[in-house]
Every structure is written in structure tokens, then in C-alpha cells.
């Protein structure tokens, strides 16, 4: 075989063309991987944003519930003050009446106050349950967001490790 003949030049050109096509295919594959990773990162970012907005809405709802609870407590306080003033006024009238009437009115007032206390207890229990549920929803949202962020970081780390390995392999092949 003649290494300097036209066949040798043609074979060398074909080999060079094959290497060129191979490098081009590797480069295109790497570009496709980069685009895919960018797309995955973008989708993860969108999901994180959506979940962040959801958490913000839940937080606003929670704050609204707290505000409503405070307003309700203030209304109850005003009502208690009103009831107290009413009670004092009634006591002045009751003192003027006979003893039997006074005893009946006292029993009625005690039952009324006890009912109001029971209503206040029920309202406090309801507020506590609402706060617990809101905390539970927030905890779930935070856990989900954290898991997705960890997954995105792992995907990104894997991509970087693969990229570094490919660059190292290419470097080793060159050397």
C-alpha cells in the first residue's frame, strides 16, 4: 500500500470528515442538553414563583383571619363593656324593686353572662382551630417548595457534574 498516493489522501480526508461530523454531533448534543437544562430551570423557576404566590395568598388569608379575630375580640370587648354598663344600670333599678324580683333578675343576668362566656369560648376555640389549619397549610406549602428546590438543585448539580466529566473526557482525549 502506498501511504502517499491519492487513496491515502482520500482516506485521510474521509477520516477527517468523520471526525469533524463526530465533533459536530457531540457539540449539537451538548447544545441540546444545555437547552434542556435551561428549560428545566425555567420551568422550576415558574413553579417556584407560582408556589411563592400561593404561599403569599395563604399568608394574606392568614393575616386577614388574624385581623378578623382581633376585630371580633374588640367587638366583644365593646359588647362586654356595654353589657357591664347595662348591668350596672339594671342593678340600680333592681335595688329599687322588691327582693324577690331582685333575685330573679340576678339569676337571669348570671345565665346571660355565662352564655356570653360560652360563646366567647367557642369563638376562641374556632380561632385556634383556624390558626392551626392555616399553619398546617403553610407547613405543607413550605415542605413542597423545599422539596422542589432540592430537586432542582440536584438536577443542576448532576448537570454540572456531567458537563465537567465530558470536558475532562474531552481534555483527556486531546491529551
N, C-alpha and C. Protein backbone atom coordinates (compact mmCIF):
# COMPACT_ATOMS: atom_id res chain seq x y z
N UNK A 1 0.83 -1.19 0.00
CA UNK A 1 0.00 0.00 0.00
C UNK A 1 0.87 1.24 0.00
N UNK A 2 0.43 2.22 -0.73
CA UNK A 2 1.17 3.47 -0.84
C UNK A 2 0.53 4.48 0.08
N UNK A 3 1.30 4.98 1.07
CA UNK A 3 0.77 5.94 2.03
C UNK A 3 0.72 7.34 1.47
N UNK A 4 1.38 7.57 0.35
CA UNK A 4 1.42 8.92 -0.20
C UNK A 4 0.52 9.04 -1.43
N UNK A 5 -0.18 8.02 -1.80
CA UNK A 5 -0.96 8.05 -3.02
C UNK A 5 -2.29 8.77 -2.85
N UNK A 6 -3.05 8.87 -3.93
CA UNK A 6 -4.34 9.55 -3.89
C UNK A 6 -5.33 8.85 -2.97
N UNK A 7 -5.24 7.52 -2.89
CA UNK A 7 -6.14 6.80 -1.98
C UNK A 7 -5.86 7.16 -0.53
N UNK A 8 -4.63 7.33 -0.18
CA UNK A 8 -4.26 7.69 1.19
C UNK A 8 -4.79 9.08 1.53
N UNK A 9 -4.69 10.00 0.61
CA UNK A 9 -5.20 11.36 0.84
C UNK A 9 -6.72 11.33 0.97
N UNK A 10 -7.36 10.51 0.11
CA UNK A 10 -8.82 10.40 0.18
C UNK A 10 -9.25 9.78 1.51
N UNK A 11 -8.55 8.71 1.93
CA UNK A 11 -8.88 8.08 3.21
C UNK A 11 -8.66 9.05 4.37
N UNK A 12 -7.57 9.80 4.28
CA UNK A 12 -7.28 10.78 5.34
C UNK A 12 -8.37 11.86 5.37
N UNK A 13 -8.80 12.28 4.19
CA UNK A 13 -9.87 13.29 4.12
C UNK A 13 -11.17 12.73 4.68
N UNK A 14 -11.47 11.46 4.37
CA UNK A 14 -12.69 10.83 4.89
C UNK A 14 -12.62 10.68 6.42
N UNK A 15 -11.45 10.28 6.90
CA UNK A 15 -11.28 10.16 8.34
C UNK A 15 -11.46 11.52 9.02
N UNK A 16 -10.87 12.55 8.41
CA UNK A 16 -11.00 13.90 8.97
C UNK A 16 -12.46 14.36 8.93
N UNK A 17 -13.14 14.06 7.82
CA UNK A 17 -14.56 14.42 7.71
C UNK A 17 -15.39 13.67 8.76
N UNK A 18 -15.06 12.40 8.99
CA UNK A 18 -15.75 11.60 10.01
C UNK A 18 -15.54 12.19 11.40
N UNK A 19 -14.30 12.58 11.70
CA UNK A 19 -14.02 13.20 13.00
C UNK A 19 -14.76 14.52 13.14
N UNK A 20 -14.78 15.27 12.05
CA UNK A 20 -15.49 16.56 12.08
C UNK A 20 -16.98 16.36 12.34
N UNK A 21 -17.57 15.38 11.63
CA UNK A 21 -19.00 15.09 11.84
C UNK A 21 -19.25 14.60 13.27
N UNK A 22 -18.33 13.80 13.78
CA UNK A 22 -18.47 13.30 15.15
C UNK A 22 -18.43 14.44 16.16
N UNK A 23 -17.46 15.36 15.98
CA UNK A 23 -17.37 16.52 16.89
C UNK A 23 -18.63 17.39 16.78
N UNK A 24 -19.10 17.56 15.55
CA UNK A 24 -20.31 18.38 15.34
C UNK A 24 -21.51 17.72 16.04
N UNK A 25 -21.62 16.40 15.95
CA UNK A 25 -22.73 15.69 16.60
C UNK A 25 -22.64 15.84 18.11
N UNK A 26 -21.43 15.73 18.65
CA UNK A 26 -21.23 15.89 20.10
C UNK A 26 -21.61 17.30 20.52
N UNK A 27 -21.16 18.28 19.72
CA UNK A 27 -21.47 19.69 20.05
C UNK A 27 -22.97 19.93 20.01
N UNK A 28 -23.64 19.37 18.98
CA UNK A 28 -25.10 19.55 18.90
C UNK A 28 -25.80 18.89 20.08
N UNK A 29 -25.32 17.72 20.46
CA UNK A 29 -25.92 17.03 21.61
C UNK A 29 -25.73 17.84 22.90
N UNK A 30 -24.55 18.42 23.05
CA UNK A 30 -24.29 19.25 24.23
C UNK A 30 -25.18 20.49 24.22
N UNK A 31 -25.33 21.10 23.04
CA UNK A 31 -26.24 22.27 22.94
C UNK A 31 -27.67 21.87 23.30
N UNK A 32 -28.09 20.71 22.83
CA UNK A 32 -29.44 20.24 23.15
C UNK A 32 -29.59 20.03 24.65
N UNK A 33 -28.55 19.47 25.29
CA UNK A 33 -28.60 19.26 26.74
C UNK A 33 -28.65 20.60 27.48
N UNK A 34 -27.86 21.55 27.00
CA UNK A 34 -27.86 22.87 27.65
C UNK A 34 -29.25 23.49 27.53
N UNK A 35 -29.84 23.41 26.33
CA UNK A 35 -31.20 23.96 26.16
C UNK A 35 -32.20 23.26 27.07
N UNK A 36 -32.08 21.94 27.17
CA UNK A 36 -32.99 21.18 28.03
C UNK A 36 -32.83 21.60 29.50
N UNK A 37 -31.59 21.76 29.94
CA UNK A 37 -31.36 22.17 31.33
C UNK A 37 -31.88 23.59 31.58
N UNK A 38 -31.68 24.46 30.58
CA UNK A 38 -32.22 25.82 30.73
C UNK A 38 -33.74 25.78 30.81
N UNK A 39 -34.34 24.95 29.99
CA UNK A 39 -35.81 24.81 30.00
C UNK A 39 -36.28 24.26 31.35
N UNK A 40 -35.59 23.25 31.86
CA UNK A 40 -35.96 22.69 33.16
C UNK A 40 -35.81 23.72 34.27
N UNK A 41 -34.73 24.50 34.20
CA UNK A 41 -34.52 25.53 35.22
C UNK A 41 -35.62 26.59 35.13
N UNK A 42 -35.99 26.93 33.90
CA UNK A 42 -37.06 27.92 33.71
C UNK A 42 -38.38 27.40 34.28
N UNK A 43 -38.69 26.14 33.97
CA UNK A 43 -39.93 25.55 34.49
C UNK A 43 -39.92 25.48 36.01
N UNK A 44 -38.77 25.13 36.57
CA UNK A 44 -38.66 25.08 38.04
C UNK A 44 -38.85 26.47 38.62
N UNK A 45 -38.29 27.46 37.93
CA UNK A 45 -38.44 28.85 38.40
C UNK A 45 -39.90 29.27 38.36
N UNK A 46 -40.59 28.91 37.28
CA UNK A 46 -42.02 29.23 37.19
C UNK A 46 -42.81 28.55 38.30
N UNK A 47 -42.49 27.30 38.55
CA UNK A 47 -43.20 26.56 39.61
C UNK A 47 -42.93 27.19 40.97
N UNK A 48 -41.68 27.56 41.21
CA UNK A 48 -41.34 28.20 42.48
C UNK A 48 -42.08 29.53 42.63
N UNK A 49 -42.16 30.27 41.53
CA UNK A 49 -42.86 31.55 41.57
C UNK A 49 -44.34 31.33 41.89
N UNK A 50 -44.93 30.32 41.22
CA UNK A 50 -46.35 30.03 41.44
C UNK A 50 -46.59 29.61 42.90
N UNK A 51 -45.71 28.78 43.40
CA UNK A 51 -45.87 28.36 44.79
C UNK A 51 -45.63 29.52 45.76
N UNK A 52 -44.68 30.37 45.41
CA UNK A 52 -44.45 31.56 46.24
C UNK A 52 -45.69 32.45 46.29
N UNK A 53 -46.34 32.60 45.13
CA UNK A 53 -47.57 33.39 45.10
C UNK A 53 -48.66 32.72 45.93
N UNK A 54 -48.73 31.40 45.85
CA UNK A 54 -49.72 30.66 46.63
C UNK A 54 -49.46 30.85 48.13
N UNK A 55 -48.19 30.76 48.51
CA UNK A 55 -47.84 30.96 49.93
C UNK A 55 -48.20 32.37 50.35
N UNK A 56 -47.94 33.31 49.46
CA UNK A 56 -48.26 34.72 49.78
C UNK A 56 -49.77 34.88 49.96
N UNK A 57 -50.55 34.24 49.08
CA UNK A 57 -52.02 34.32 49.23
C UNK A 57 -52.46 33.69 50.55
N UNK A 58 -51.87 32.53 50.87
CA UNK A 58 -52.24 31.87 52.13
C UNK A 58 -51.85 32.73 53.33
N UNK A 59 -50.69 33.37 53.22
CA UNK A 59 -50.25 34.25 54.30
C UNK A 59 -51.21 35.43 54.45
N UNK A 60 -51.63 35.98 53.31
CA UNK A 60 -52.58 37.10 53.36
C UNK A 60 -53.90 36.65 53.98
N UNK A 61 -54.35 35.45 53.59
CA UNK A 61 -55.58 34.91 54.19
C UNK A 61 -55.42 34.73 55.69
N UNK A 62 -54.26 34.23 56.08
CA UNK A 62 -53.99 34.03 57.50
C UNK A 62 -54.01 35.37 58.24
N UNK A 63 -53.34 36.37 57.64
CA UNK A 63 -53.33 37.70 58.26
C UNK A 63 -54.75 38.28 58.33
N UNK A 64 -55.54 38.03 57.29
CA UNK A 64 -56.92 38.50 57.30
C UNK A 64 -57.72 37.84 58.42
N UNK A 65 -57.49 36.54 58.61
CA UNK A 65 -58.17 35.83 59.70
C UNK A 65 -57.76 36.38 61.06
N UNK A 66 -56.47 36.65 61.20
CA UNK A 66 -55.99 37.23 62.47
C UNK A 66 -56.64 38.59 62.69
N UNK A 67 -56.69 39.40 61.62
CA UNK A 67 -57.31 40.73 61.74
C UNK A 67 -58.78 40.61 62.10
N UNK A 68 -59.46 39.67 61.46
CA UNK A 68 -60.88 39.47 61.78
C UNK A 68 -61.06 39.03 63.23
N UNK A 69 -60.14 38.17 63.67
CA UNK A 69 -60.20 37.72 65.06
C UNK A 69 -60.01 38.89 66.02
N UNK A 70 -59.06 39.76 65.69
CA UNK A 70 -58.83 40.93 66.55
C UNK A 70 -60.05 41.85 66.55
N UNK A 71 -60.61 42.05 65.35
CA UNK A 71 -61.81 42.89 65.27
C UNK A 71 -62.96 42.28 66.07
N UNK A 72 -63.07 40.97 65.97
CA UNK A 72 -64.13 40.28 66.70
C UNK A 72 -63.91 40.42 68.21
N UNK A 73 -62.66 40.27 68.64
CA UNK A 73 -62.36 40.44 70.06
C UNK A 73 -62.68 41.87 70.52
N UNK A 74 -62.36 42.85 69.66
CA UNK A 74 -62.65 44.24 70.02
C UNK A 74 -64.17 44.44 70.11
N UNK A 75 -64.89 43.86 69.15
CA UNK A 75 -66.36 43.98 69.21
C UNK A 75 -66.90 43.33 70.49
N UNK A 76 -66.32 42.17 70.82
CA UNK A 76 -66.77 41.50 72.04
C UNK A 76 -66.45 42.34 73.27
N UNK A 77 -65.28 42.98 73.25
CA UNK A 77 -64.91 43.83 74.38
C UNK A 77 -65.89 44.99 74.52
N UNK A 78 -66.20 45.61 73.37
CA UNK A 78 -67.18 46.71 73.41
C UNK A 78 -68.53 46.18 73.90
N UNK A 79 -68.89 44.99 73.42
CA UNK A 79 -70.16 44.40 73.86
C UNK A 79 -70.13 44.11 75.36
N UNK A 80 -69.00 43.60 75.84
CA UNK A 80 -68.89 43.34 77.27
C UNK A 80 -69.00 44.63 78.08
N UNK A 81 -68.36 45.67 77.56
CA UNK A 81 -68.45 46.96 78.25
C UNK A 81 -69.90 47.46 78.25
N UNK A 82 -70.54 47.31 77.11
CA UNK A 82 -71.95 47.72 77.03
C UNK A 82 -72.80 46.91 78.00
N UNK A 83 -72.54 45.59 78.00
CA UNK A 83 -73.28 44.74 78.91
C UNK A 83 -73.02 45.13 80.37
N UNK A 84 -71.77 45.47 80.63
CA UNK A 84 -71.43 45.87 82.00
C UNK A 84 -72.20 47.14 82.40
N UNK A 85 -72.18 48.13 81.50
CA UNK A 85 -72.92 49.37 81.79
C UNK A 85 -74.42 49.08 81.93
N UNK A 86 -74.90 48.21 81.08
CA UNK A 86 -76.30 47.81 81.16
C UNK A 86 -76.59 47.14 82.50
N UNK A 87 -75.66 46.28 82.90
CA UNK A 87 -75.82 45.56 84.16
C UNK A 87 -75.86 46.54 85.35
N UNK A 88 -74.93 47.50 85.32
CA UNK A 88 -74.89 48.49 86.43
C UNK A 88 -76.20 49.26 86.48
N UNK A 89 -76.69 49.67 85.29
CA UNK A 89 -77.96 50.41 85.25
C UNK A 89 -79.10 49.55 85.77
N UNK A 90 -79.09 48.29 85.37
CA UNK A 90 -80.15 47.38 85.83
C UNK A 90 -80.08 47.18 87.35
N UNK A 91 -78.85 47.15 87.85
CA UNK A 91 -78.71 46.97 89.30
C UNK A 91 -79.34 48.12 90.09
N UNK A 92 -79.18 49.33 89.54
CA UNK A 92 -79.79 50.47 90.22
C UNK A 92 -81.31 50.34 90.24
N UNK A 93 -81.87 49.88 89.13
CA UNK A 93 -83.33 49.70 89.06
C UNK A 93 -83.76 48.56 89.97
N UNK A 94 -82.97 47.48 89.94
CA UNK A 94 -83.32 46.29 90.73
C UNK A 94 -83.32 46.59 92.22
N UNK A 95 -82.35 47.41 92.66
CA UNK A 95 -82.29 47.76 94.08
C UNK A 95 -83.55 48.44 94.55
N UNK A 96 -84.20 49.17 93.62
CA UNK A 96 -85.43 49.87 93.99
C UNK A 96 -86.60 48.89 94.08
N UNK A 97 -86.50 47.77 93.44
CA UNK A 97 -87.61 46.80 93.44
C UNK A 97 -87.53 45.89 94.67
N UNK A 98 -88.50 45.06 94.77
CA UNK A 98 -88.55 44.13 95.92
C UNK A 98 -87.53 43.02 95.79
N UNK A 99 -87.30 42.32 96.87
CA UNK A 99 -86.25 41.31 97.00
C UNK A 99 -86.46 40.14 96.02
N UNK A 100 -87.67 39.68 95.89
CA UNK A 100 -87.94 38.54 95.02
C UNK A 100 -87.62 38.88 93.56
N UNK A 101 -87.99 40.04 93.12
CA UNK A 101 -87.71 40.50 91.76
C UNK A 101 -86.20 40.61 91.56
N UNK A 102 -85.51 41.11 92.58
CA UNK A 102 -84.05 41.27 92.51
C UNK A 102 -83.37 39.92 92.31
N UNK A 103 -83.81 38.90 93.03
CA UNK A 103 -83.22 37.56 92.90
C UNK A 103 -83.43 36.99 91.49
N UNK A 104 -84.61 37.16 90.93
CA UNK A 104 -84.89 36.66 89.58
C UNK A 104 -83.99 37.34 88.55
N UNK A 105 -83.87 38.65 88.67
CA UNK A 105 -83.04 39.39 87.71
C UNK A 105 -81.58 38.99 87.82
N UNK A 106 -81.09 38.77 89.06
CA UNK A 106 -79.70 38.34 89.25
C UNK A 106 -79.46 37.00 88.57
N UNK A 107 -80.39 36.07 88.72
CA UNK A 107 -80.25 34.75 88.08
C UNK A 107 -80.22 34.90 86.56
N UNK A 108 -81.08 35.75 86.04
CA UNK A 108 -81.12 35.96 84.58
C UNK A 108 -79.79 36.56 84.08
N UNK A 109 -79.26 37.51 84.79
CA UNK A 109 -78.01 38.16 84.38
C UNK A 109 -76.85 37.16 84.42
N UNK A 110 -76.81 36.32 85.46
CA UNK A 110 -75.75 35.32 85.55
C UNK A 110 -75.83 34.33 84.38
N UNK A 111 -77.02 33.89 84.05
CA UNK A 111 -77.18 32.97 82.93
C UNK A 111 -76.77 33.65 81.62
N UNK A 112 -77.14 34.89 81.46
CA UNK A 112 -76.81 35.65 80.26
C UNK A 112 -75.28 35.79 80.10
N UNK A 113 -74.61 36.14 81.20
CA UNK A 113 -73.15 36.29 81.17
C UNK A 113 -72.49 34.95 80.89
N UNK A 114 -73.01 33.89 81.52
CA UNK A 114 -72.44 32.56 81.28
C UNK A 114 -72.59 32.18 79.81
N UNK A 115 -73.74 32.49 79.22
CA UNK A 115 -73.94 32.22 77.79
C UNK A 115 -72.96 32.98 76.93
N UNK A 116 -72.74 34.24 77.28
CA UNK A 116 -71.77 35.05 76.53
C UNK A 116 -70.36 34.48 76.68
N UNK A 117 -70.03 34.02 77.89
CA UNK A 117 -68.72 33.41 78.11
C UNK A 117 -68.57 32.14 77.28
N UNK A 118 -69.64 31.37 77.22
CA UNK A 118 -69.60 30.15 76.42
C UNK A 118 -69.42 30.49 74.94
N UNK A 119 -70.11 31.53 74.50
CA UNK A 119 -69.96 31.96 73.11
C UNK A 119 -68.53 32.44 72.85
N UNK A 120 -67.96 33.17 73.80
CA UNK A 120 -66.59 33.64 73.66
C UNK A 120 -65.62 32.47 73.63
N UNK A 121 -65.85 31.46 74.48
CA UNK A 121 -65.01 30.26 74.50
C UNK A 121 -65.08 29.54 73.16
N UNK A 122 -66.29 29.42 72.62
CA UNK A 122 -66.46 28.76 71.32
C UNK A 122 -65.73 29.54 70.22
N UNK A 123 -65.84 30.86 70.29
CA UNK A 123 -65.16 31.70 69.29
C UNK A 123 -63.64 31.53 69.40
N UNK A 124 -63.12 31.49 70.62
CA UNK A 124 -61.68 31.30 70.80
C UNK A 124 -61.24 29.93 70.28
N UNK A 125 -62.04 28.90 70.53
CA UNK A 125 -61.72 27.57 70.04
C UNK A 125 -61.71 27.55 68.51
N UNK A 126 -62.69 28.22 67.91
CA UNK A 126 -62.76 28.28 66.45
C UNK A 126 -61.54 29.01 65.89
N UNK A 127 -61.15 30.10 66.51
CA UNK A 127 -59.97 30.84 66.06
C UNK A 127 -58.72 29.99 66.18
N UNK A 128 -58.60 29.25 67.28
CA UNK A 128 -57.44 28.38 67.47
C UNK A 128 -57.39 27.30 66.38
N UNK A 129 -58.53 26.71 66.05
CA UNK A 129 -58.59 25.69 65.00
C UNK A 129 -58.23 26.29 63.64
N UNK A 130 -58.75 27.47 63.36
CA UNK A 130 -58.44 28.14 62.09
C UNK A 130 -56.94 28.41 62.00
N UNK A 131 -56.35 28.90 63.08
CA UNK A 131 -54.91 29.17 63.10
C UNK A 131 -54.11 27.88 62.89
N UNK A 132 -54.55 26.80 63.50
CA UNK A 132 -53.86 25.52 63.35
C UNK A 132 -53.93 25.04 61.90
N UNK A 133 -55.10 25.15 61.27
CA UNK A 133 -55.24 24.73 59.87
C UNK A 133 -54.39 25.59 58.94
N UNK A 134 -54.37 26.89 59.19
CA UNK A 134 -53.56 27.78 58.36
C UNK A 134 -52.08 27.41 58.51
N UNK A 135 -51.64 27.13 59.74
CA UNK A 135 -50.25 26.73 59.97
C UNK A 135 -49.95 25.43 59.24
N UNK A 136 -50.90 24.50 59.27
CA UNK A 136 -50.71 23.21 58.60
C UNK A 136 -50.58 23.42 57.10
N UNK A 137 -51.44 24.27 56.51
CA UNK A 137 -51.35 24.56 55.08
C UNK A 137 -50.03 25.23 54.73
N UNK A 138 -49.60 26.16 55.56
CA UNK A 138 -48.33 26.84 55.31
C UNK A 138 -47.18 25.85 55.39
N UNK A 139 -47.20 24.96 56.40
CA UNK A 139 -46.14 23.97 56.55
C UNK A 139 -46.07 23.06 55.32
N UNK A 140 -47.24 22.62 54.82
CA UNK A 140 -47.25 21.77 53.63
C UNK A 140 -46.67 22.51 52.44
N UNK A 141 -47.06 23.76 52.27
CA UNK A 141 -46.56 24.55 51.14
C UNK A 141 -45.05 24.72 51.25
N UNK A 142 -44.55 25.01 52.46
CA UNK A 142 -43.11 25.17 52.65
C UNK A 142 -42.37 23.86 52.37
N UNK A 143 -42.93 22.73 52.82
CA UNK A 143 -42.29 21.45 52.58
C UNK A 143 -42.23 21.14 51.08
N UNK A 144 -43.31 21.40 50.38
CA UNK A 144 -43.37 21.14 48.94
C UNK A 144 -42.37 22.02 48.20
N UNK A 145 -42.34 23.29 48.56
CA UNK A 145 -41.39 24.22 47.93
C UNK A 145 -39.95 23.78 48.20
N UNK A 146 -39.67 23.39 49.43
CA UNK A 146 -38.32 22.95 49.78
C UNK A 146 -37.94 21.70 48.99
N UNK A 147 -38.84 20.75 48.87
CA UNK A 147 -38.56 19.53 48.11
C UNK A 147 -38.29 19.85 46.65
N UNK A 148 -39.08 20.74 46.08
CA UNK A 148 -38.87 21.08 44.67
C UNK A 148 -37.56 21.83 44.47
N UNK A 149 -37.22 22.68 45.41
CA UNK A 149 -35.95 23.41 45.30
C UNK A 149 -34.78 22.42 45.40
N UNK A 150 -34.88 21.46 46.33
CA UNK A 150 -33.83 20.46 46.47
C UNK A 150 -33.70 19.64 45.18
N UNK A 151 -34.82 19.28 44.58
CA UNK A 151 -34.80 18.52 43.34
C UNK A 151 -34.15 19.34 42.22
N UNK A 152 -34.50 20.61 42.13
CA UNK A 152 -33.91 21.48 41.10
C UNK A 152 -32.41 21.60 41.31
N UNK A 153 -31.98 21.75 42.56
CA UNK A 153 -30.55 21.86 42.84
C UNK A 153 -29.84 20.55 42.48
N UNK A 154 -30.45 19.42 42.76
CA UNK A 154 -29.84 18.13 42.44
C UNK A 154 -29.71 17.99 40.93
N UNK A 155 -30.75 18.36 40.18
CA UNK A 155 -30.69 18.28 38.72
C UNK A 155 -29.56 19.17 38.20
N UNK A 156 -29.47 20.37 38.74
CA UNK A 156 -28.43 21.30 38.31
C UNK A 156 -27.04 20.74 38.66
N UNK A 157 -26.90 20.19 39.87
CA UNK A 157 -25.61 19.60 40.28
C UNK A 157 -25.24 18.44 39.36
N UNK A 158 -26.21 17.58 39.04
CA UNK A 158 -25.95 16.45 38.15
C UNK A 158 -25.50 16.94 36.79
N UNK A 159 -26.16 18.00 36.32
CA UNK A 159 -25.80 18.57 35.01
C UNK A 159 -24.36 19.09 35.05
N UNK A 160 -24.01 19.80 36.10
CA UNK A 160 -22.65 20.33 36.22
C UNK A 160 -21.62 19.19 36.30
N UNK A 161 -21.94 18.15 37.04
CA UNK A 161 -21.02 17.01 37.16
C UNK A 161 -20.83 16.35 35.80
N UNK A 162 -21.93 16.14 35.06
CA UNK A 162 -21.85 15.54 33.73
C UNK A 162 -21.05 16.43 32.79
N UNK A 163 -21.32 17.72 32.85
CA UNK A 163 -20.60 18.65 31.98
C UNK A 163 -19.11 18.62 32.29
N UNK A 164 -18.77 18.63 33.57
CA UNK A 164 -17.36 18.59 33.97
C UNK A 164 -16.72 17.28 33.52
N UNK A 165 -17.45 16.18 33.63
CA UNK A 165 -16.92 14.88 33.21
C UNK A 165 -16.70 14.87 31.70
N UNK A 166 -17.63 15.45 30.95
CA UNK A 166 -17.47 15.49 29.49
C UNK A 166 -16.28 16.36 29.11
N UNK A 167 -16.15 17.50 29.75
CA UNK A 167 -14.99 18.37 29.47
C UNK A 167 -13.70 17.65 29.84
N UNK A 168 -13.69 16.96 30.98
CA UNK A 168 -12.50 16.22 31.39
C UNK A 168 -12.19 15.11 30.40
N UNK A 169 -13.23 14.42 29.95
CA UNK A 169 -13.02 13.33 28.97
C UNK A 169 -12.50 13.90 27.67
N UNK A 170 -13.04 14.99 27.23
CA UNK A 170 -12.57 15.62 26.01
C UNK A 170 -11.13 16.06 26.17
N UNK A 171 -10.81 16.61 27.32
CA UNK A 171 -9.44 17.06 27.61
C UNK A 171 -8.49 15.85 27.59
N UNK A 172 -8.92 14.75 28.20
CA UNK A 172 -8.11 13.53 28.23
C UNK A 172 -7.91 12.99 26.82
N UNK A 173 -8.99 13.06 26.00
CA UNK A 173 -8.88 12.56 24.62
C UNK A 173 -7.89 13.41 23.83
N UNK A 174 -7.91 14.72 24.05
CA UNK A 174 -7.00 15.61 23.34
C UNK A 174 -5.56 15.34 23.75
N UNK A 175 -5.36 15.05 25.06
CA UNK A 175 -4.01 14.83 25.57
C UNK A 175 -3.66 13.35 25.44
